[in-house]
Amino acid sequence: TETHYVATISTGVHSLNGVPMAHAKV
């Protein structure tokens, strides 16, 4: 509780067309 966390979604995720994200989301 009452704690700060950081989430990261990397460019390893792809769309159905196989296109990755341009930048990681933090």
mmCIF file of all heavy atoms, coordinates in Angstrom:
data_MODEL
# 
_entry.id   MODEL 
# 
loop_
_atom_site.group_PDB 
_atom_site.id 
_atom_site.type_symbol 
_atom_site.label_atom_id 
_atom_site.label_alt_id 
_atom_site.label_comp_id 
_atom_site.label_asym_id 
_atom_site.label_entity_id 
_atom_site.label_seq_id 
_atom_site.pdbx_PDB_ins_code 
_atom_site.Cartn_x 
_atom_site.Cartn_y 
_atom_site.Cartn_z 
_atom_site.occupancy 
_atom_site.B_iso_or_equiv 
_atom_site.pdbx_formal_charge 
_atom_site.auth_seq_id 
_atom_site.auth_comp_id 
_atom_site.auth_asym_id 
_atom_site.auth_atom_id 
_atom_site.pdbx_PDB_model_num 
ATOM 1   N N   . THR A 1 1  ? 0.821  -1.201 0.000   1.00 0.00 ? 1  THR A N   1 
ATOM 2   C CA  . THR A 1 1  ? 0.000  0.000  0.000   1.00 0.00 ? 1  THR A CA  1 
ATOM 3   C C   . THR A 1 1  ? 0.862  1.262  0.000   1.00 0.00 ? 1  THR A C   1 
ATOM 4   O O   . THR A 1 1  ? 2.000  1.259  0.471   1.00 0.00 ? 1  THR A O   1 
ATOM 5   C CB  . THR A 1 1  ? -0.905 0.028  1.241   1.00 0.00 ? 1  THR A CB  1 
ATOM 6   O OG1 . THR A 1 1  ? -0.083 0.014  2.413   1.00 0.00 ? 1  THR A OG1 1 
ATOM 7   C CG2 . THR A 1 1  ? -1.829 -1.169 1.264   1.00 0.00 ? 1  THR A CG2 1 
ATOM 8   N N   . GLU A 1 2  ? 0.305  2.331  -0.556  1.00 0.00 ? 2  GLU A N   1 
ATOM 9   C CA  . GLU A 1 2  ? 0.934  3.651  -0.569  1.00 0.00 ? 2  GLU A CA  1 
ATOM 10  C C   . GLU A 1 2  ? 2.410  3.572  -0.980  1.00 0.00 ? 2  GLU A C   1 
ATOM 11  O O   . GLU A 1 2  ? 3.293  4.153  -0.356  1.00 0.00 ? 2  GLU A O   1 
ATOM 12  C CB  . GLU A 1 2  ? 0.783  4.309  0.799   1.00 0.00 ? 2  GLU A CB  1 
ATOM 13  C CG  . GLU A 1 2  ? -0.678 4.522  1.187   1.00 0.00 ? 2  GLU A CG  1 
ATOM 14  C CD  . GLU A 1 2  ? -0.863 5.118  2.555   1.00 0.00 ? 2  GLU A CD  1 
ATOM 15  O OE1 . GLU A 1 2  ? -0.506 4.450  3.541   1.00 0.00 ? 2  GLU A OE1 1 
ATOM 16  O OE2 . GLU A 1 2  ? -1.354 6.256  2.647   1.00 0.00 ? 2  GLU A OE2 1 
ATOM 17  N N   . THR A 1 3  ? 2.635  2.845  -2.042  1.00 0.00 ? 3  THR A N   1 
ATOM 18  C CA  . THR A 1 3  ? 3.990  2.604  -2.542  1.00 0.00 ? 3  THR A CA  1 
ATOM 19  C C   . THR A 1 3  ? 4.063  2.957  -4.023  1.00 0.00 ? 3  THR A C   1 
ATOM 20  O O   . THR A 1 3  ? 3.123  2.689  -4.777  1.00 0.00 ? 3  THR A O   1 
ATOM 21  C CB  . THR A 1 3  ? 4.387  1.127  -2.340  1.00 0.00 ? 3  THR A CB  1 
ATOM 22  O OG1 . THR A 1 3  ? 4.297  0.811  -0.941  1.00 0.00 ? 3  THR A OG1 1 
ATOM 23  C CG2 . THR A 1 3  ? 5.803  0.852  -2.835  1.00 0.00 ? 3  THR A CG2 1 
ATOM 24  N N   . HIS A 1 4  ? 5.170  3.541  -4.431  1.00 0.00 ? 4  HIS A N   1 
ATOM 25  C CA  . HIS A 1 4  ? 5.337  3.922  -5.844  1.00 0.00 ? 4  HIS A CA  1 
ATOM 26  C C   . HIS A 1 4  ? 6.002  2.784  -6.621  1.00 0.00 ? 4  HIS A C   1 
ATOM 27  O O   . HIS A 1 4  ? 7.023  2.238  -6.215  1.00 0.00 ? 4  HIS A O   1 
ATOM 28  C CB  . HIS A 1 4  ? 6.179  5.194  -5.956  1.00 0.00 ? 4  HIS A CB  1 
ATOM 29  C CG  . HIS A 1 4  ? 6.199  5.767  -7.346  1.00 0.00 ? 4  HIS A CG  1 
ATOM 30  N ND1 . HIS A 1 4  ? 5.107  6.402  -7.899  1.00 0.00 ? 4  HIS A ND1 1 
ATOM 31  C CD2 . HIS A 1 4  ? 7.163  5.767  -8.297  1.00 0.00 ? 4  HIS A CD2 1 
ATOM 32  C CE1 . HIS A 1 4  ? 5.404  6.790  -9.125  1.00 0.00 ? 4  HIS A CE1 1 
ATOM 33  N NE2 . HIS A 1 4  ? 6.641  6.420  -9.394  1.00 0.00 ? 4  HIS A NE2 1 
ATOM 34  N N   . TYR A 1 5  ? 5.402  2.453  -7.756  1.00 0.00 ? 5  TYR A N   1 
ATOM 35  C CA  . TYR A 1 5  ? 5.920  1.426  -8.651  1.00 0.00 ? 5  TYR A CA  1 
ATOM 36  C C   . TYR A 1 5  ? 6.125  2.024  -10.043 1.00 0.00 ? 5  TYR A C   1 
ATOM 37  O O   . TYR A 1 5  ? 5.524  3.056  -10.381 1.00 0.00 ? 5  TYR A O   1 
ATOM 38  C CB  . TYR A 1 5  ? 4.944  0.250  -8.758  1.00 0.00 ? 5  TYR A CB  1 
ATOM 39  C CG  . TYR A 1 5  ? 4.791  -0.563 -7.495  1.00 0.00 ? 5  TYR A CG  1 
ATOM 40  C CD1 . TYR A 1 5  ? 3.862  -0.197 -6.517  1.00 0.00 ? 5  TYR A CD1 1 
ATOM 41  C CD2 . TYR A 1 5  ? 5.566  -1.701 -7.275  1.00 0.00 ? 5  TYR A CD2 1 
ATOM 42  C CE1 . TYR A 1 5  ? 3.710  -0.942 -5.359  1.00 0.00 ? 5  TYR A CE1 1 
ATOM 43  C CE2 . TYR A 1 5  ? 5.411  -2.454 -6.111  1.00 0.00 ? 5  TYR A CE2 1 
ATOM 44  C CZ  . TYR A 1 5  ? 4.488  -2.059 -5.159  1.00 0.00 ? 5  TYR A CZ  1 
ATOM 45  O OH  . TYR A 1 5  ? 4.347  -2.797 -4.019  1.00 0.00 ? 5  TYR A OH  1 
ATOM 46  N N   . VAL A 1 6  ? 6.956  1.367  -10.826 1.00 0.00 ? 6  VAL A N   1 
ATOM 47  C CA  . VAL A 1 6  ? 7.197  1.787  -12.204 1.00 0.00 ? 6  VAL A CA  1 
ATOM 48  C C   . VAL A 1 6  ? 6.917  0.614  -13.137 1.00 0.00 ? 6  VAL A C   1 
ATOM 49  O O   . VAL A 1 6  ? 7.423  -0.496 -12.922 1.00 0.00 ? 6  VAL A O   1 
ATOM 50  C CB  . VAL A 1 6  ? 8.648  2.281  -12.403 1.00 0.00 ? 6  VAL A CB  1 
ATOM 51  C CG1 . VAL A 1 6  ? 8.906  2.576  -13.886 1.00 0.00 ? 6  VAL A CG1 1 
ATOM 52  C CG2 . VAL A 1 6  ? 8.917  3.522  -11.564 1.00 0.00 ? 6  VAL A CG2 1 
ATOM 53  N N   . ALA A 1 7  ? 6.086  0.853  -14.151 1.00 0.00 ? 7  ALA A N   1 
ATOM 54  C CA  . ALA A 1 7  ? 5.762  -0.169 -15.141 1.00 0.00 ? 7  ALA A CA  1 
ATOM 55  C C   . ALA A 1 7  ? 6.438  0.178  -16.462 1.00 0.00 ? 7  ALA A C   1 
ATOM 56  O O   . ALA A 1 7  ? 6.554  1.363  -16.819 1.00 0.00 ? 7  ALA A O   1 
ATOM 57  C CB  . ALA A 1 7  ? 4.260  -0.280 -15.329 1.00 0.00 ? 7  ALA A CB  1 
ATOM 58  N N   . THR A 1 8  ? 6.854  -0.850 -17.170 1.00 0.00 ? 8  THR A N   1 
ATOM 59  C CA  . THR A 1 8  ? 7.515  -0.654 -18.466 1.00 0.00 ? 8  THR A CA  1 
ATOM 60  C C   . THR A 1 8  ? 6.918  -1.602 -19.485 1.00 0.00 ? 8  THR A C   1 
ATOM 61  O O   . THR A 1 8  ? 6.804  -2.812 -19.228 1.00 0.00 ? 8  THR A O   1 
ATOM 62  C CB  . THR A 1 8  ? 9.025  -0.915 -18.364 1.00 0.00 ? 8  THR A CB  1 
ATOM 63  O OG1 . THR A 1 8  ? 9.598  -0.041 -17.392 1.00 0.00 ? 8  THR A OG1 1 
ATOM 64  C CG2 . THR A 1 8  ? 9.696  -0.687 -19.719 1.00 0.00 ? 8  THR A CG2 1 
ATOM 65  N N   . ILE A 1 9  ? 6.509  -1.060 -20.645 1.00 0.00 ? 9  ILE A N   1 
ATOM 66  C CA  . ILE A 1 9  ? 6.072  -1.872 -21.779 1.00 0.00 ? 9  ILE A CA  1 
ATOM 67  C C   . ILE A 1 9  ? 7.097  -1.644 -22.885 1.00 0.00 ? 9  ILE A C   1 
ATOM 68  O O   . ILE A 1 9  ? 7.263  -0.522 -23.371 1.00 0.00 ? 9  ILE A O   1 
ATOM 69  C CB  . ILE A 1 9  ? 4.668  -1.487 -22.242 1.00 0.00 ? 9  ILE A CB  1 
ATOM 70  C CG1 . ILE A 1 9  ? 3.680  -1.710 -21.082 1.00 0.00 ? 9  ILE A CG1 1 
ATOM 71  C CG2 . ILE A 1 9  ? 4.248  -2.309 -23.459 1.00 0.00 ? 9  ILE A CG2 1 
ATOM 72  C CD1 . ILE A 1 9  ? 2.257  -1.325 -21.398 1.00 0.00 ? 9  ILE A CD1 1 
ATOM 73  N N   . SER A 1 10 ? 7.804  -2.698 -23.252 1.00 0.00 ? 10 SER A N   1 
ATOM 74  C CA  . SER A 1 10 ? 8.939  -2.571 -24.170 1.00 0.00 ? 10 SER A CA  1 
ATOM 75  C C   . SER A 1 10 ? 8.494  -2.584 -25.631 1.00 0.00 ? 10 SER A C   1 
ATOM 76  O O   . SER A 1 10 ? 7.325  -2.854 -25.947 1.00 0.00 ? 10 SER A O   1 
ATOM 77  C CB  . SER A 1 10 ? 9.923  -3.708 -23.926 1.00 0.00 ? 10 SER A CB  1 
ATOM 78  O OG  . SER A 1 10 ? 9.412  -4.929 -24.455 1.00 0.00 ? 10 SER A OG  1 
ATOM 79  N N   . THR A 1 11 ? 9.419  -2.320 -26.488 1.00 0.00 ? 11 THR A N   1 
ATOM 80  C CA  . THR A 1 11 ? 9.154  -2.343 -27.929 1.00 0.00 ? 11 THR A CA  1 
ATOM 81  C C   . THR A 1 11 ? 9.030  -3.776 -28.446 1.00 0.00 ? 11 THR A C   1 
ATOM 82  O O   . THR A 1 11 ? 8.831  -3.982 -29.647 1.00 0.00 ? 11 THR A O   1 
ATOM 83  C CB  . THR A 1 11 ? 10.272 -1.619 -28.688 1.00 0.00 ? 11 THR A CB  1 
ATOM 84  O OG1 . THR A 1 11 ? 11.542 -2.206 -28.343 1.00 0.00 ? 11 THR A OG1 1 
ATOM 85  C CG2 . THR A 1 11 ? 10.290 -0.136 -28.331 1.00 0.00 ? 11 THR A CG2 1 
ATOM 86  N N   . GLY A 1 12 ? 9.116  -4.739 -27.526 1.00 0.00 ? 12 GLY A N   1 
ATOM 87  C CA  . GLY A 1 12 ? 8.926  -6.128 -27.933 1.00 0.00 ? 12 GLY A CA  1 
ATOM 88  C C   . GLY A 1 12 ? 7.478  -6.458 -28.222 1.00 0.00 ? 12 GLY A C   1 
ATOM 89  O O   . GLY A 1 12 ? 7.184  -7.518 -28.796 1.00 0.00 ? 12 GLY A O   1 
ATOM 90  N N   . VAL A 1 13 ? 6.538  -5.575 -27.845 1.00 0.00 ? 13 VAL A N   1 
ATOM 91  C CA  . VAL A 1 13 ? 5.138  -5.814 -28.175 1.00 0.00 ? 13 VAL A CA  1 
ATOM 92  C C   . VAL A 1 13 ? 4.904  -5.395 -29.627 1.00 0.00 ? 13 VAL A C   1 
ATOM 93  O O   . VAL A 1 13 ? 5.406  -4.379 -30.095 1.00 0.00 ? 13 VAL A O   1 
ATOM 94  C CB  . VAL A 1 13 ? 4.199  -5.047 -27.208 1.00 0.00 ? 13 VAL A CB  1 
ATOM 95  C CG1 . VAL A 1 13 ? 4.421  -5.515 -25.794 1.00 0.00 ? 13 VAL A CG1 1 
ATOM 96  C CG2 . VAL A 1 13 ? 4.380  -3.554 -27.308 1.00 0.00 ? 13 VAL A CG2 1 
ATOM 97  N N   . HIS A 1 14 ? 4.095  -6.205 -30.346 1.00 0.00 ? 14 HIS A N   1 
ATOM 98  C CA  . HIS A 1 14 ? 3.852  -5.972 -31.769 1.00 0.00 ? 14 HIS A CA  1 
ATOM 99  C C   . HIS A 1 14 ? 2.359  -5.890 -32.041 1.00 0.00 ? 14 HIS A C   1 
ATOM 100 O O   . HIS A 1 14 ? 1.548  -6.500 -31.330 1.00 0.00 ? 14 HIS A O   1 
ATOM 101 C CB  . HIS A 1 14 ? 4.438  -7.107 -32.616 1.00 0.00 ? 14 HIS A CB  1 
ATOM 102 C CG  . HIS A 1 14 ? 5.928  -7.191 -32.549 1.00 0.00 ? 14 HIS A CG  1 
ATOM 103 N ND1 . HIS A 1 14 ? 6.627  -8.247 -33.105 1.00 0.00 ? 14 HIS A ND1 1 
ATOM 104 C CD2 . HIS A 1 14 ? 6.854  -6.380 -31.989 1.00 0.00 ? 14 HIS A CD2 1 
ATOM 105 C CE1 . HIS A 1 14 ? 7.922  -8.081 -32.901 1.00 0.00 ? 14 HIS A CE1 1 
ATOM 106 N NE2 . HIS A 1 14 ? 8.084  -6.948 -32.215 1.00 0.00 ? 14 HIS A NE2 1 
ATOM 107 N N   . SER A 1 15 ? 2.021  -5.173 -33.075 1.00 0.00 ? 15 SER A N   1 
ATOM 108 C CA  . SER A 1 15 ? 0.637  -5.175 -33.553 1.00 0.00 ? 15 SER A CA  1 
ATOM 109 C C   . SER A 1 15 ? 0.371  -6.481 -34.291 1.00 0.00 ? 15 SER A C   1 
ATOM 110 O O   . SER A 1 15 ? 1.290  -7.284 -34.508 1.00 0.00 ? 15 SER A O   1 
ATOM 111 C CB  . SER A 1 15 ? 0.411  -3.986 -34.489 1.00 0.00 ? 15 SER A CB  1 
ATOM 112 O OG  . SER A 1 15 ? 1.130  -4.193 -35.695 1.00 0.00 ? 15 SER A OG  1 
ATOM 113 N N   . LEU A 1 16 ? -0.912 -6.700 -34.690 1.00 0.00 ? 16 LEU A N   1 
ATOM 114 C CA  . LEU A 1 16 ? -1.236 -7.898 -35.458 1.00 0.00 ? 16 LEU A CA  1 
ATOM 115 C C   . LEU A 1 16 ? -0.477 -7.947 -36.770 1.00 0.00 ? 16 LEU A C   1 
ATOM 116 O O   . LEU A 1 16 ? -0.253 -9.024 -37.336 1.00 0.00 ? 16 LEU A O   1 
ATOM 117 C CB  . LEU A 1 16 ? -2.750 -7.952 -35.725 1.00 0.00 ? 16 LEU A CB  1 
ATOM 118 C CG  . LEU A 1 16 ? -3.629 -8.371 -34.538 1.00 0.00 ? 16 LEU A CG  1 
ATOM 119 C CD1 . LEU A 1 16 ? -5.104 -8.340 -34.939 1.00 0.00 ? 16 LEU A CD1 1 
ATOM 120 C CD2 . LEU A 1 16 ? -3.243 -9.764 -34.041 1.00 0.00 ? 16 LEU A CD2 1 
ATOM 121 N N   . ASN A 1 17 ? -0.062 -6.767 -37.265 1.00 0.00 ? 17 ASN A N   1 
ATOM 122 C CA  . ASN A 1 17 ? 0.695  -6.709 -38.509 1.00 0.00 ? 17 ASN A CA  1 
ATOM 123 C C   . ASN A 1 17 ? 2.179  -6.911 -38.278 1.00 0.00 ? 17 ASN A C   1 
ATOM 124 O O   . ASN A 1 17 ? 2.977  -6.808 -39.227 1.00 0.00 ? 17 ASN A O   1 
ATOM 125 C CB  . ASN A 1 17 ? 0.475  -5.359 -39.200 1.00 0.00 ? 17 ASN A CB  1 
ATOM 126 C CG  . ASN A 1 17 ? -0.969 -5.167 -39.620 1.00 0.00 ? 17 ASN A CG  1 
ATOM 127 O OD1 . ASN A 1 17 ? -1.648 -6.141 -39.970 1.00 0.00 ? 17 ASN A OD1 1 
ATOM 128 N ND2 . ASN A 1 17 ? -1.455 -3.926 -39.591 1.00 0.00 ? 17 ASN A ND2 1 
ATOM 129 N N   . GLY A 1 18 ? 2.575  -7.160 -37.017 1.00 0.00 ? 18 GLY A N   1 
ATOM 130 C CA  . GLY A 1 18 ? 3.979  -7.406 -36.723 1.00 0.00 ? 18 GLY A CA  1 
ATOM 131 C C   . GLY A 1 18 ? 4.801  -6.153 -36.529 1.00 0.00 ? 18 GLY A C   1 
ATOM 132 O O   . GLY A 1 18 ? 6.042  -6.231 -36.497 1.00 0.00 ? 18 GLY A O   1 
ATOM 133 N N   . VAL A 1 19 ? 4.117  -4.996 -36.397 1.00 0.00 ? 19 VAL A N   1 
ATOM 134 C CA  . VAL A 1 19 ? 4.855  -3.736 -36.238 1.00 0.00 ? 19 VAL A CA  1 
ATOM 135 C C   . VAL A 1 19 ? 5.066  -3.465 -34.756 1.00 0.00 ? 19 VAL A C   1 
ATOM 136 O O   . VAL A 1 19 ? 4.103  -3.423 -33.985 1.00 0.00 ? 19 VAL A O   1 
ATOM 137 C CB  . VAL A 1 19 ? 4.090  -2.568 -36.888 1.00 0.00 ? 19 VAL A CB  1 
ATOM 138 C CG1 . VAL A 1 19 ? 4.865  -1.267 -36.732 1.00 0.00 ? 19 VAL A CG1 1 
ATOM 139 C CG2 . VAL A 1 19 ? 3.820  -2.870 -38.360 1.00 0.00 ? 19 VAL A CG2 1 
ATOM 140 N N   . PRO A 1 20 ? 6.300  -3.250 -34.292 1.00 0.00 ? 20 PRO A N   1 
ATOM 141 C CA  . PRO A 1 20 ? 6.547  -2.970 -32.875 1.00 0.00 ? 20 PRO A CA  1 
ATOM 142 C C   . PRO A 1 20 ? 6.256  -1.505 -32.547 1.00 0.00 ? 20 PRO A C   1 
ATOM 143 O O   . PRO A 1 20 ? 6.169  -0.658 -33.442 1.00 0.00 ? 20 PRO A O   1 
ATOM 144 C CB  . PRO A 1 20 ? 8.041  -3.279 -32.708 1.00 0.00 ? 20 PRO A CB  1 
ATOM 145 C CG  . PRO A 1 20 ? 8.623  -2.969 -34.050 1.00 0.00 ? 20 PRO A CG  1 
ATOM 146 C CD  . PRO A 1 20 ? 7.565  -3.358 -35.068 1.00 0.00 ? 20 PRO A CD  1 
ATOM 147 N N   . MET A 1 21 ? 6.123  -1.213 -31.273 1.00 0.00 ? 21 MET A N   1 
ATOM 148 C CA  . MET A 1 21 ? 6.001  0.190  -30.864 1.00 0.00 ? 21 MET A CA  1 
ATOM 149 C C   . MET A 1 21 ? 7.314  0.899  -31.162 1.00 0.00 ? 21 MET A C   1 
ATOM 150 O O   . MET A 1 21 ? 8.392  0.314  -31.099 1.00 0.00 ? 21 MET A O   1 
ATOM 151 C CB  . MET A 1 21 ? 5.712  0.297  -29.357 1.00 0.00 ? 21 MET A CB  1 
ATOM 152 C CG  . MET A 1 21 ? 4.343  -0.176 -28.927 1.00 0.00 ? 21 MET A CG  1 
ATOM 153 S SD  . MET A 1 21 ? 3.856  0.522  -27.308 1.00 0.00 ? 21 MET A SD  1 
ATOM 154 C CE  . MET A 1 21 ? 5.285  0.134  -26.293 1.00 0.00 ? 21 MET A CE  1 
ATOM 155 N N   . ALA A 1 22 ? 7.207  2.169  -31.464 1.00 0.00 ? 22 ALA A N   1 
ATOM 156 C CA  . ALA A 1 22 ? 8.397  2.938  -31.799 1.00 0.00 ? 22 ALA A CA  1 
ATOM 157 C C   . ALA A 1 22 ? 9.262  3.200  -30.574 1.00 0.00 ? 22 ALA A C   1 
ATOM 158 O O   . ALA A 1 22 ? 10.495 3.258  -30.662 1.00 0.00 ? 22 ALA A O   1 
ATOM 159 C CB  . ALA A 1 22 ? 7.995  4.262  -32.451 1.00 0.00 ? 22 ALA A CB  1 
ATOM 160 N N   . HIS A 1 23 ? 8.607  3.366  -29.412 1.00 0.00 ? 23 HIS A N   1 
ATOM 161 C CA  . HIS A 1 23 ? 9.343  3.661  -28.182 1.00 0.00 ? 23 HIS A CA  1 
ATOM 162 C C   . HIS A 1 23 ? 8.745  2.865  -27.031 1.00 0.00 ? 23 HIS A C   1 
ATOM 163 O O   . HIS A 1 23 ? 7.542  2.603  -27.005 1.00 0.00 ? 23 HIS A O   1 
ATOM 164 C CB  . HIS A 1 23 ? 9.288  5.162  -27.843 1.00 0.00 ? 23 HIS A CB  1 
ATOM 165 C CG  . HIS A 1 23 ? 9.754  6.046  -28.954 1.00 0.00 ? 23 HIS A CG  1 
ATOM 166 N ND1 . HIS A 1 23 ? 11.086 6.218  -29.266 1.00 0.00 ? 23 HIS A ND1 1 
ATOM 167 C CD2 . HIS A 1 23 ? 9.057  6.815  -29.833 1.00 0.00 ? 23 HIS A CD2 1 
ATOM 168 C CE1 . HIS A 1 23 ? 11.193 7.048  -30.271 1.00 0.00 ? 23 HIS A CE1 1 
ATOM 169 N NE2 . HIS A 1 23 ? 9.968  7.422  -30.650 1.00 0.00 ? 23 HIS A NE2 1 
ATOM 170 N N   . ALA A 1 24 ? 9.581  2.496  -26.078 1.00 0.00 ? 24 ALA A N   1 
ATOM 171 C CA  . ALA A 1 24 ? 9.078  1.834  -24.866 1.00 0.00 ? 24 ALA A CA  1 
ATOM 172 C C   . ALA A 1 24 ? 8.246  2.842  -24.063 1.00 0.00 ? 24 ALA A C   1 
ATOM 173 O O   . ALA A 1 24 ? 8.493  4.044  -24.097 1.00 0.00 ? 24 ALA A O   1 
ATOM 174 C CB  . ALA A 1 24 ? 10.245 1.320  -24.031 1.00 0.00 ? 24 ALA A CB  1 
ATOM 175 N N   . LYS A 1 25 ? 7.254  2.317  -23.373 1.00 0.00 ? 25 LYS A N   1 
ATOM 176 C CA  . LYS A 1 25 ? 6.401  3.150  -22.525 1.00 0.00 ? 25 LYS A CA  1 
ATOM 177 C C   . LYS A 1 25 ? 6.749  2.876  -21.069 1.00 0.00 ? 25 LYS A C   1 
ATOM 178 O O   . LYS A 1 25 ? 6.672  1.738  -20.589 1.00 0.00 ? 25 LYS A O   1 
ATOM 179 C CB  . LYS A 1 25 ? 4.928  2.830  -22.790 1.00 0.00 ? 25 LYS A CB  1 
ATOM 180 C CG  . LYS A 1 25 ? 3.947  3.573  -21.889 1.00 0.00 ? 25 LYS A CG  1 
ATOM 181 C CD  . LYS A 1 25 ? 3.915  5.053  -22.179 1.00 0.00 ? 25 LYS A CD  1 
ATOM 182 C CE  . LYS A 1 25 ? 2.853  5.755  -21.346 1.00 0.00 ? 25 LYS A CE  1 
ATOM 183 N NZ  . LYS A 1 25 ? 2.796  7.196  -21.618 1.00 0.00 ? 25 LYS A NZ  1 
ATOM 184 N N   . VAL A 1 26 ? 7.144  3.925  -20.361 1.00 0.00 ? 26 VAL A N   1 
ATOM 185 C CA  . VAL A 1 26 ? 7.472  3.805  -18.936 1.00 0.00 ? 26 VAL A CA  1 
ATOM 186 C C   . VAL A 1 26 ? 6.550  4.745  -18.167 1.00 0.00 ? 26 VAL A C   1 
ATOM 187 O O   . VAL A 1 26 ? 6.434  5.923  -18.499 1.00 0.00 ? 26 VAL A O   1 
ATOM 188 C CB  . VAL A 1 26 ? 8.942  4.174  -18.670 1.00 0.00 ? 26 VAL A CB  1 
ATOM 189 C CG1 . VAL A 1 26 ? 9.259  4.058  -17.170 1.00 0.00 ? 26 VAL A CG1 1 
ATOM 190 C CG2 . VAL A 1 26 ? 9.882  3.292  -19.485 1.00 0.00 ? 26 VAL A CG2 1 
# 
